[in-house]
């Protein structure tokens, strides 16, 4: 005990938790946590370098794709249709 969690063990934990609350576990993975963290951080205005350090992204270009998605959630073309 006391060692690091593997990617597979994290995926199992997430899928088990999703199933426990009535969600389809096949729609969730360890990447769901990473993507959610990055998106939430970007929406909150966190510094991209700090987000990348935490998420261990080697490339800010890749990280930027998550940040762009966060922006799309806030202001998208269809928003004015309501």
Protein backbone atom coordinates (compact mmCIF):
# COMPACT_ATOMS: atom_id res chain seq x y z
CA UNK A 1 0.00 0.00 0.00
CA UNK A 2 1.01 3.62 -0.33
CA UNK A 3 2.08 3.42 -3.98
CA UNK A 4 0.83 5.47 -6.87
CA UNK A 5 -2.48 4.74 -8.54
CA UNK A 6 -2.24 3.41 -12.06
CA UNK A 7 -4.25 4.86 -14.93
CA UNK A 8 -6.36 1.70 -14.94
CA UNK A 9 -7.17 1.90 -11.23
CA UNK A 10 -8.23 5.53 -11.61
CA UNK A 11 -10.46 4.58 -14.55
CA UNK A 12 -12.07 1.82 -12.46
CA UNK A 13 -12.71 4.23 -9.56
CA UNK A 14 -14.32 6.78 -11.88
CA UNK A 15 -16.46 4.20 -13.68
CA UNK A 16 -17.61 2.73 -10.35
CA UNK A 17 -18.54 6.19 -9.04
CA UNK A 18 -20.40 7.07 -12.25
CA UNK A 19 -22.37 3.84 -12.09
CA UNK A 20 -23.16 4.41 -8.39
CA UNK A 21 -24.90 7.69 -9.20
CA UNK A 22 -26.80 6.24 -12.17
CA UNK A 23 -24.59 7.44 -15.03
CA UNK A 24 -23.31 5.32 -17.89
CA UNK A 25 -19.78 4.33 -16.78
CA UNK A 26 -18.70 3.87 -20.40
CA UNK A 27 -18.92 7.63 -20.89
CA UNK A 28 -16.33 8.39 -18.19
CA UNK A 29 -12.59 7.81 -17.80
CA UNK A 30 -9.52 9.20 -16.13
CA UNK A 31 -9.36 11.69 -18.97
CA UNK A 32 -12.75 13.02 -17.80
CA UNK A 33 -11.10 14.27 -14.61
CA UNK A 34 -8.20 15.84 -16.46
CA UNK A 35 -10.45 17.53 -19.02
CA UNK A 36 -12.81 18.74 -16.29
CA UNK A 37 -9.95 20.17 -14.25
CA UNK A 38 -8.52 22.03 -17.23
CA UNK A 39 -11.91 23.33 -18.36
CA UNK A 40 -12.86 24.47 -14.85
CA UNK A 41 -9.50 26.13 -14.36
CA UNK A 42 -9.78 27.96 -17.67
CA UNK A 43 -13.33 29.10 -16.91
CA UNK A 44 -12.14 30.41 -13.54
CA UNK A 45 -9.33 32.37 -15.19
CA UNK A 46 -6.45 30.29 -13.80
CA UNK A 47 -3.01 30.84 -15.33
CA UNK A 48 -2.47 28.46 -18.25
CA UNK A 49 1.09 27.66 -17.15
CA UNK A 50 -0.12 26.57 -13.72
CA UNK A 51 -2.85 24.45 -15.28
CA UNK A 52 -0.29 22.84 -17.61
CA UNK A 53 2.05 22.17 -14.71
CA UNK A 54 -0.70 20.40 -12.79
CA UNK A 55 -2.07 18.48 -15.77
CA UNK A 56 1.48 17.69 -16.95
CA UNK A 57 0.87 18.97 -20.44
CA UNK A 58 4.13 19.31 -22.32
CA UNK A 59 2.55 21.53 -24.95
CA UNK A 60 0.52 24.67 -24.36
CA UNK A 61 -0.92 24.17 -27.85
CA UNK A 62 -2.63 20.98 -26.66
CA UNK A 63 -3.74 22.65 -23.43
CA UNK A 64 -5.17 25.52 -25.48
CA UNK A 65 -7.68 23.13 -27.10
CA UNK A 66 -9.26 22.59 -23.68
CA UNK A 67 -9.25 26.31 -22.93
CA UNK A 68 -10.93 27.02 -26.26
CA UNK A 69 -13.65 24.50 -25.39
CA UNK A 70 -14.21 26.27 -22.08
CA UNK A 71 -14.70 29.55 -23.93
CA UNK A 72 -17.19 27.93 -26.28
CA UNK A 73 -19.27 26.81 -23.31
CA UNK A 74 -19.58 30.39 -22.10
CA UNK A 75 -20.30 32.18 -25.36
CA UNK A 76 -21.44 30.26 -28.42
CA UNK A 77 -23.31 31.33 -31.54
CA UNK A 78 -26.60 29.75 -30.49
CA UNK A 79 -26.68 31.50 -27.14
CA UNK A 80 -28.63 34.44 -28.57
CA UNK A 81 -31.38 32.16 -29.90
CA UNK A 82 -32.95 31.78 -26.46
